[in-house]
Amino acid sequence: MIPTSRIERKLTEYIHRAYPLSSEVIRQLADRASVKKISRSDILCAEGEIFDKLVFVSEGIFRISRIMNGEDDTIAFGEEGDPYLSLATYLYDQPSLWSYNPVTDGEVIMVDNQDLRELVDTTELMNWFNRVLLRQVHALENRYVWLGQQDAYSRYLRLQKLRPDVFNNVPLKYIASYLGVTQSTLSRIRARIVGK
């Protein structure tokens, strides 16, 4: 069992990145949270299934994906401190539209949606929740604009600069999917960089 004080410290760090909540609200969230070790072979959240938790990555790298036209499409990566929530389940009790699973061994802090809803309705947690949701929608907007406007080489360099841990720990097939290129194109980009 991981002490609540450790969970509270981590949640304080993660939550304050988006919005500074009071220590009392974070303590209430920590009291309702649990920690789970995750193996890279585990399935945390599967597309098409109910996922009734808010998750914070406390160790490892996770991948948001969806099957699109029969292909496994990587939408985003989650690293330490990043939250994940299936909005389809949270808002409508419907199955998740995304999968959210580890690509490395890791650990997550989880809070049940029922507890989250209670705190969102009765505390200032709604302020953090709104800020995080808006940031994530903005990140998705940026990704799709980025995919349409930059060439594959520029996208690779940008991802390498912004998320270096992804390059060191994530299989190339997921990086290629995220960049919207084939693995052979990704190999050519990497060879071009090494050849410089």
Protein backbone atom coordinates (compact mmCIF):
# COMPACT_ATOMS: atom_id res chain seq x y z
CA MET A 1 0.00 0.00 0.00
CA ILE A 2 1.43 3.38 -1.02
CA PRO A 3 1.03 6.09 1.64
CA THR A 4 -1.55 8.78 0.93
CA SER A 5 1.13 11.41 1.66
CA ARG A 6 3.19 10.21 -1.34
CA ILE A 7 0.08 10.26 -3.55
CA GLU A 8 -0.75 13.74 -2.26
CA ARG A 9 2.76 15.04 -3.05
CA LYS A 10 2.63 13.65 -6.59
CA LEU A 11 -0.90 14.95 -7.23
CA THR A 12 0.12 18.39 -5.96
CA GLU A 13 3.01 18.47 -8.42
CA TYR A 14 0.91 17.25 -11.36
CA ILE A 15 -2.18 19.35 -10.70
CA HIS A 16 -0.27 22.57 -10.12
CA ARG A 17 1.17 22.34 -13.64
CA ALA A 18 -2.27 23.35 -14.95
CA TYR A 19 -4.00 25.09 -12.07
CA PRO A 20 -3.02 25.74 -8.42
CA LEU A 21 -5.61 23.97 -6.27
CA SER A 22 -5.79 24.23 -2.50
CA SER A 23 -4.02 21.58 -0.47
CA GLU A 24 -7.39 20.59 1.02
CA VAL A 25 -8.88 19.69 -2.38
CA ILE A 26 -5.75 17.77 -3.36
CA ARG A 27 -5.87 15.91 -0.04
CA GLN A 28 -9.50 14.95 -0.72
CA LEU A 29 -8.51 13.69 -4.17
CA ALA A 30 -5.53 11.77 -2.74
CA ASP A 31 -7.78 10.16 -0.11
CA ARG A 32 -9.89 8.70 -2.94
CA ALA A 33 -6.94 7.68 -5.12
CA SER A 34 -5.17 4.36 -5.55
CA VAL A 35 -1.85 3.47 -7.17
CA LYS A 36 -1.34 0.65 -9.62
CA LYS A 37 1.86 -0.76 -11.10
CA ILE A 38 1.47 -1.38 -14.81
CA SER A 39 3.46 -3.68 -17.07
CA ARG A 40 4.04 -2.73 -20.71
CA SER A 41 1.97 -5.79 -21.65
CA ASP A 42 -1.05 -4.71 -19.55
CA ILE A 43 -4.19 -3.18 -20.97
CA LEU A 44 -5.30 -0.23 -18.89
CA CYS A 45 -8.02 1.26 -21.11
CA ALA A 46 -9.29 -0.45 -24.26
CA GLU A 47 -11.17 1.37 -27.00
CA GLY A 48 -14.78 0.23 -26.96
CA GLU A 49 -14.85 -0.58 -23.23
CA ILE A 50 -16.06 1.42 -20.25
CA PHE A 51 -13.15 3.15 -18.48
CA ASP A 52 -14.42 4.85 -15.34
CA LYS A 53 -11.23 6.36 -13.93
CA LEU A 54 -9.15 9.50 -14.01
CA VAL A 55 -5.53 8.42 -14.39
CA PHE A 56 -2.29 10.29 -13.76
CA VAL A 57 0.93 8.77 -15.08
CA SER A 58 3.39 8.63 -12.19
CA GLU A 59 5.99 6.46 -13.98
CA GLY A 60 6.47 5.32 -17.56
CA ILE A 61 5.13 6.31 -20.95
CA PHE A 62 1.59 5.63 -22.14
CA ARG A 63 -0.01 5.86 -25.56
CA ILE A 64 -3.44 7.13 -26.61
CA SER A 65 -4.56 5.30 -29.74
CA ARG A 66 -7.58 4.40 -31.84
CA ILE A 67 -8.19 1.98 -34.68
CA MET A 68 -8.81 4.15 -37.76
CA ASN A 69 -9.61 2.52 -41.12
CA GLY A 70 -8.22 -0.76 -39.80
CA GLU A 71 -4.93 0.85 -38.72
CA ASP A 72 -3.66 1.44 -35.17
CA ASP A 73 -3.33 5.26 -35.01
CA THR A 74 -1.24 6.81 -32.23
CA ILE A 75 -2.90 10.06 -31.15
CA ALA A 76 -0.65 11.13 -28.27
CA PHE A 77 1.80 10.00 -25.62
CA GLY A 78 1.41 10.43 -21.87
CA GLU A 79 4.37 10.89 -19.57
CA GLU A 80 4.82 11.59 -15.87
CA GLY A 81 2.14 13.92 -14.58
CA ASP A 82 -0.12 13.68 -17.63
CA PRO A 83 -3.79 12.96 -16.85
CA TYR A 84 -6.11 10.75 -18.89
CA LEU A 85 -9.88 10.41 -18.72
CA SER A 86 -12.34 8.79 -21.13
CA LEU A 87 -14.78 11.61 -21.71
CA ALA A 88 -17.26 9.22 -23.36
CA THR A 89 -17.42 7.22 -20.13
CA TYR A 90 -17.23 10.22 -17.78
CA LEU A 91 -19.94 12.25 -19.51
CA TYR A 92 -22.24 9.61 -20.98
CA ASP A 93 -21.36 6.24 -19.38
CA GLN A 94 -20.39 5.04 -22.87
CA PRO A 95 -17.37 2.99 -23.92
CA SER A 96 -14.08 4.80 -24.38
CA LEU A 97 -13.33 6.12 -27.87
CA TRP A 98 -9.59 5.69 -27.25
CA SER A 99 -7.22 3.11 -25.88
CA TYR A 100 -4.75 4.29 -23.25
CA ASN A 101 -2.04 1.77 -22.55
CA PRO A 102 1.58 1.58 -21.40
CA VAL A 103 4.48 1.30 -23.82
CA THR A 104 6.89 0.94 -20.90
CA ASP A 105 6.47 -0.50 -17.43
CA GLY A 106 5.01 2.16 -15.22
CA GLU A 107 2.69 3.27 -12.48
CA VAL A 108 -0.55 5.23 -12.41
CA ILE A 109 -2.56 7.07 -9.79
CA MET A 110 -6.28 6.43 -10.33
CA VAL A 111 -9.48 8.02 -9.05
CA ASP A 112 -12.92 6.53 -9.77
CA ASN A 113 -15.21 8.72 -11.88
CA GLN A 114 -17.85 8.70 -9.14
CA ASP A 115 -15.38 10.22 -6.66
CA LEU A 116 -14.12 12.65 -9.31
CA ARG A 117 -17.65 13.84 -10.11
CA GLU A 118 -18.36 14.43 -6.42
CA LEU A 119 -15.22 16.56 -6.04
CA VAL A 120 -15.82 18.42 -9.30
CA ASP A 121 -19.34 19.27 -8.10
CA THR A 122 -18.40 20.31 -4.56
CA THR A 123 -14.90 21.81 -4.70
CA GLU A 124 -12.71 24.05 -6.85
CA LEU A 125 -11.49 20.93 -8.71
CA MET A 126 -13.76 22.03 -11.58
CA ASN A 127 -11.32 24.90 -12.27
CA TRP A 128 -8.44 22.46 -12.76
CA PHE A 129 -10.65 20.07 -14.72
CA ASN A 130 -11.72 22.79 -17.18
CA ARG A 131 -8.15 24.02 -17.66
CA VAL A 132 -6.84 20.52 -18.37
CA LEU A 133 -9.66 19.71 -20.79
CA LEU A 134 -9.07 22.93 -22.72
CA ARG A 135 -5.33 22.25 -22.90
CA GLN A 136 -5.91 18.75 -24.19
CA VAL A 137 -8.38 19.91 -26.85
CA HIS A 138 -5.83 22.53 -27.89
CA ALA A 139 -3.09 19.88 -28.09
CA LEU A 140 -5.30 17.76 -30.38
CA GLU A 141 -6.02 20.79 -32.57
CA ASN A 142 -2.30 21.54 -32.79
CA ARG A 143 -1.47 17.95 -33.71
CA TYR A 144 -3.86 17.87 -36.64
CA VAL A 145 -2.74 21.27 -37.92
CA TRP A 146 0.87 20.15 -37.47
CA LEU A 147 0.27 16.92 -39.40
CA GLY A 148 -1.22 18.86 -42.30
CA GLN A 149 1.29 21.69 -42.50
CA GLN A 150 4.74 20.32 -41.72
CA ASP A 151 6.69 17.74 -43.65
CA ALA A 152 7.59 14.46 -41.95
CA TYR A 153 11.20 15.52 -41.29
CA SER A 154 10.07 18.71 -39.49
CA ARG A 155 7.48 16.79 -37.47
CA TYR A 156 10.17 14.32 -36.40
CA LEU A 157 12.53 17.09 -35.25
CA ARG A 158 9.76 18.83 -33.34
CA LEU A 159 8.70 15.66 -31.53
CA GLN A 160 12.32 14.85 -30.76
CA LYS A 161 12.77 18.29 -29.21
CA LEU A 162 9.49 18.34 -27.25
CA ARG A 163 9.35 14.71 -26.09
CA PRO A 164 12.88 13.23 -25.98
CA ASP A 165 11.79 10.41 -23.63
CA VAL A 166 9.45 9.14 -26.34
CA PHE A 167 12.40 8.56 -28.66
CA ASN A 168 14.36 6.67 -26.05
CA ASN A 169 11.55 4.40 -24.84
CA VAL A 170 8.80 3.97 -27.43
CA PRO A 171 8.85 1.42 -30.27
CA LEU A 172 9.43 3.03 -33.67
CA LYS A 173 6.09 1.75 -35.02
CA TYR A 174 4.26 3.99 -32.53
CA ILE A 175 6.44 7.00 -33.31
CA ALA A 176 5.83 6.46 -37.04
CA SER A 177 2.08 6.23 -36.41
CA TYR A 178 2.10 9.42 -34.34
CA LEU A 179 4.04 11.26 -37.05
CA GLY A 180 1.69 9.99 -39.74
CA VAL A 181 4.41 8.17 -41.70
CA THR A 182 5.34 4.59 -42.52
CA GLN A 183 8.15 2.88 -40.64
CA SER A 184 10.28 2.92 -43.79
CA THR A 185 9.84 6.71 -44.08
CA LEU A 186 10.78 7.05 -40.43
CA SER A 187 13.91 4.97 -41.06
CA ARG A 188 14.90 7.29 -43.92
CA ILE A 189 14.38 10.36 -41.71
CA ARG A 190 16.53 8.84 -38.98
CA ALA A 191 19.26 7.95 -41.51
CA ARG A 192 19.20 11.53 -42.81
CA ILE A 193 19.72 12.87 -39.29
CA VAL A 194 22.55 10.42 -38.54
CA GLY A 195 24.19 11.32 -41.87
CA LYS A 196 24.41 15.02 -40.97
